[in-house]
């Protein structure tokens, strides 16, 4: 192995370490606890080493968000492909999306509520962002008869996000979550007879 290859591998490993530490710290204590000083201490590198990989906390948050979209895309794909009908696929994807948000609140927040320097809804969007949206779209497309699937997908996504955000903030009671999710899915695809 060449010295250059080893250095590239070590650099990539440090970046993974930084992103993982940020993600774990955010999940444990919230994004306010994630600072470059704290991350440097957590990973046992100096702050200048951190800055040699990322411009600052915002860039680290963006990297965590991209990783989150990759995770979400995989979970949505698993839910969609395990279903036996288009309606079941949509319901499974809706549940998987909601479960992801509930299990990983800090990760969900950096993906969807915090301002991060990532292009959304453009060709320049990182592949994991496009993949996660693509899984939603694949679940919606068979049911978007007479409508543009992208717009229907955006509407479903907005509905899911709104329900979850309002519930997490205490504005909607948690005990009705499953019913609201079922109603949303029913509006996109009435129950099969």
Protein backbone atom coordinates (compact mmCIF):
# COMPACT_ATOMS: atom_id res chain seq x y z
CA UNK A 1 0.00 0.00 0.00
CA UNK A 2 1.36 3.39 -0.91
CA UNK A 3 1.81 6.18 1.62
CA UNK A 4 -0.80 8.24 -0.22
CA UNK A 5 -3.35 5.42 -0.07
CA UNK A 6 -2.72 4.94 3.64
CA UNK A 7 -3.11 8.69 4.29
CA UNK A 8 -6.37 8.80 2.32
CA UNK A 9 -7.68 5.83 4.27
CA UNK A 10 -6.68 7.43 7.58
CA UNK A 11 -8.29 10.72 6.56
CA UNK A 12 -11.54 8.98 5.62
CA UNK A 13 -11.47 7.10 8.93
CA UNK A 14 -11.03 10.38 10.88
CA UNK A 15 -13.97 11.89 8.99
CA UNK A 16 -16.15 8.88 9.86
CA UNK A 17 -15.02 9.19 13.47
CA UNK A 18 -15.97 12.89 13.58
CA UNK A 19 -19.38 12.30 11.98
CA UNK A 20 -20.13 9.32 14.24
CA UNK A 21 -19.12 11.25 17.36
CA UNK A 22 -21.28 14.22 16.34
CA UNK A 23 -24.25 11.96 15.65
CA UNK A 24 -23.92 10.08 18.95
CA UNK A 25 -23.43 13.26 20.96
CA UNK A 26 -26.45 14.90 19.32
CA UNK A 27 -28.63 11.88 20.02
CA UNK A 28 -27.50 11.78 23.64
CA UNK A 29 -27.50 15.51 24.47
CA UNK A 30 -28.94 17.45 21.52
CA UNK A 31 -27.30 19.53 18.80
CA UNK A 32 -26.45 22.39 21.17
CA UNK A 33 -23.98 20.04 22.89
CA UNK A 34 -22.16 19.41 19.61
CA UNK A 35 -19.31 21.89 19.39
CA UNK A 36 -15.96 21.54 17.65
CA UNK A 37 -14.22 21.75 21.02
CA UNK A 38 -16.37 18.98 22.47
CA UNK A 39 -15.96 16.82 19.35
CA UNK A 40 -12.19 17.27 19.41
CA UNK A 41 -12.16 16.07 23.00
CA UNK A 42 -14.48 13.15 22.20
CA UNK A 43 -12.36 11.84 19.33
CA UNK A 44 -9.03 12.77 20.97
CA UNK A 45 -7.81 14.99 18.16
CA UNK A 46 -7.12 18.72 18.21
CA UNK A 47 -9.61 21.26 16.88
CA UNK A 48 -7.26 22.09 13.96
CA UNK A 49 -7.49 18.43 12.88
CA UNK A 50 -11.27 18.75 12.95
CA UNK A 51 -11.07 21.91 10.85
CA UNK A 52 -8.79 20.16 8.36
CA UNK A 53 -11.77 17.89 7.60
CA UNK A 54 -14.76 20.22 8.04
CA UNK A 55 -15.17 24.01 7.92
CA UNK A 56 -17.09 23.95 11.18
CA UNK A 57 -20.10 22.58 12.99
CA UNK A 58 -22.45 23.34 10.07
CA UNK A 59 -20.37 21.22 7.71
CA UNK A 60 -20.29 18.40 10.25
CA UNK A 61 -24.07 18.62 10.63
CA UNK A 62 -24.45 18.43 6.84
CA UNK A 63 -22.27 15.30 6.78
CA UNK A 64 -24.39 13.75 9.53
CA UNK A 65 -27.54 14.63 7.56
CA UNK A 66 -26.21 12.94 4.42
CA UNK A 67 -25.43 9.83 6.45
CA UNK A 68 -28.94 9.97 7.90
CA UNK A 69 -30.50 10.12 4.44
CA UNK A 70 -28.49 7.06 3.48
CA UNK A 71 -29.82 5.21 6.53
CA UNK A 72 -33.37 6.39 5.87
CA UNK A 73 -33.25 5.35 2.21
CA UNK A 74 -32.27 1.82 3.25
CA UNK A 75 -35.07 1.58 5.81
CA UNK A 76 -37.67 2.94 3.39
CA UNK A 77 -36.46 0.55 0.66
CA UNK A 78 -36.76 -2.42 3.01
CA UNK A 79 -40.29 -1.38 4.00
CA UNK A 80 -41.39 -0.76 0.41
CA UNK A 81 -39.97 -3.96 -1.06
CA UNK A 82 -41.37 -6.17 1.70
CA UNK A 83 -44.96 -5.15 0.93
CA UNK A 84 -47.24 -7.21 -1.32
CA UNK A 85 -49.34 -4.40 -2.81
CA UNK A 86 -48.95 -0.71 -3.66
CA UNK A 87 -51.18 0.32 -0.75
CA UNK A 88 -49.27 -1.88 1.69
CA UNK A 89 -46.01 -0.44 0.34
CA UNK A 90 -47.21 3.11 0.95
CA UNK A 91 -48.39 2.24 4.46
CA UNK A 92 -45.12 0.43 5.23
CA UNK A 93 -43.04 3.36 3.97
CA UNK A 94 -45.13 5.80 6.02
CA UNK A 95 -44.61 3.71 9.16
CA UNK A 96 -40.89 3.31 8.44
CA UNK A 97 -40.53 7.07 7.99
CA UNK A 98 -42.36 7.74 11.28
CA UNK A 99 -40.37 5.05 13.10
CA UNK A 100 -37.10 6.54 11.83
CA UNK A 101 -38.10 9.94 13.20
CA UNK A 102 -39.09 8.48 16.56
CA UNK A 103 -35.96 6.33 16.96
CA UNK A 104 -33.49 8.99 15.83
CA UNK A 105 -34.88 12.42 16.73
CA UNK A 106 -31.61 14.36 16.59
CA UNK A 107 -30.70 12.76 13.28
CA UNK A 108 -34.16 13.53 11.89
CA UNK A 109 -33.84 17.13 13.06
CA UNK A 110 -30.53 17.67 11.29
CA UNK A 111 -31.97 16.12 8.14
CA UNK A 112 -35.22 18.08 8.08
CA UNK A 113 -35.44 20.98 10.54
CA UNK A 114 -31.98 22.45 11.10
CA UNK A 115 -30.53 24.69 8.43
CA UNK A 116 -27.74 22.75 6.73
CA UNK A 117 -25.80 23.63 3.63
CA UNK A 118 -27.18 20.93 1.36
CA UNK A 119 -29.04 21.37 -1.91
CA UNK A 120 -32.50 19.81 -1.79
CA UNK A 121 -34.76 19.03 -4.75
CA UNK A 122 -32.05 19.69 -7.34
CA UNK A 123 -29.77 17.57 -9.48
CA UNK A 124 -26.92 18.72 -7.22
CA UNK A 125 -28.46 17.10 -4.15
CA UNK A 126 -26.22 14.37 -2.74
CA UNK A 127 -27.17 10.87 -3.86
CA UNK A 128 -28.44 9.77 -0.40
CA UNK A 129 -30.95 12.67 -0.37
CA UNK A 130 -32.18 11.70 -3.81
CA UNK A 131 -32.33 8.03 -2.78
CA UNK A 132 -34.47 8.70 0.31
CA UNK A 133 -36.89 10.87 -1.68
CA UNK A 134 -36.79 8.26 -4.45
CA UNK A 135 -38.00 5.57 -2.07
CA UNK A 136 -40.95 7.74 -1.09
CA UNK A 137 -41.63 8.39 -4.76
CA UNK A 138 -41.47 4.68 -5.66
CA UNK A 139 -44.11 3.99 -3.00
CA UNK A 140 -46.33 6.84 -4.22
CA UNK A 141 -45.97 6.50 -8.01
CA UNK A 142 -48.29 3.49 -8.53
CA UNK A 143 -51.02 5.38 -6.64
CA UNK A 144 -50.56 8.81 -8.24
CA UNK A 145 -53.02 8.15 -11.06
CA UNK A 146 -53.53 11.30 -13.09
CA UNK A 147 -51.13 13.33 -10.94
CA UNK A 148 -47.43 14.11 -11.24
CA UNK A 149 -45.75 11.57 -8.89
CA UNK A 150 -43.13 14.05 -7.68
CA UNK A 151 -45.76 16.52 -6.49
CA UNK A 152 -47.80 13.77 -4.83
CA UNK A 153 -44.63 12.52 -3.13
CA UNK A 154 -43.80 16.02 -1.87
CA UNK A 155 -47.34 16.28 -0.48
CA UNK A 156 -47.07 12.93 1.32
CA UNK A 157 -43.67 13.90 2.69
CA UNK A 158 -45.03 17.23 3.93
CA UNK A 159 -47.93 15.43 5.60
CA UNK A 160 -45.66 12.91 7.31
CA UNK A 161 -43.24 15.59 8.42
CA UNK A 162 -46.01 17.83 9.69
CA UNK A 163 -47.65 15.08 11.72
CA UNK A 164 -44.36 14.04 13.27
CA UNK A 165 -43.16 17.57 13.99
CA UNK A 166 -46.45 18.57 15.61
CA UNK A 167 -46.55 15.40 17.69
CA UNK A 168 -42.94 15.67 18.83
CA UNK A 169 -43.46 19.27 19.89
CA UNK A 170 -46.50 18.30 21.99
CA UNK A 171 -49.00 20.07 19.75
CA UNK A 172 -50.70 16.80 18.78
CA UNK A 173 -51.32 14.04 21.34
CA UNK A 174 -49.01 11.06 20.90
CA UNK A 175 -51.74 8.51 21.64
CA UNK A 176 -53.49 9.34 18.34
CA UNK A 177 -50.32 9.02 16.23
CA UNK A 178 -51.15 5.65 14.66
CA UNK A 179 -54.66 6.80 13.76
CA UNK A 180 -53.41 10.03 12.15
CA UNK A 181 -50.81 8.09 10.17
CA UNK A 182 -53.47 5.66 8.95
CA UNK A 183 -55.76 8.56 7.95
CA UNK A 184 -52.95 10.18 5.97
CA UNK A 185 -52.23 6.94 4.09
CA UNK A 186 -55.96 6.45 3.46
CA UNK A 187 -56.13 9.89 1.83
CA UNK A 188 -53.43 8.88 -0.62
CA UNK A 189 -54.77 5.40 -1.20
CA UNK A 190 -58.17 4.28 0.08
CA UNK A 191 -58.26 0.91 1.82
CA UNK A 192 -58.33 -2.11 -0.47
CA UNK A 193 -61.61 -3.94 -0.68
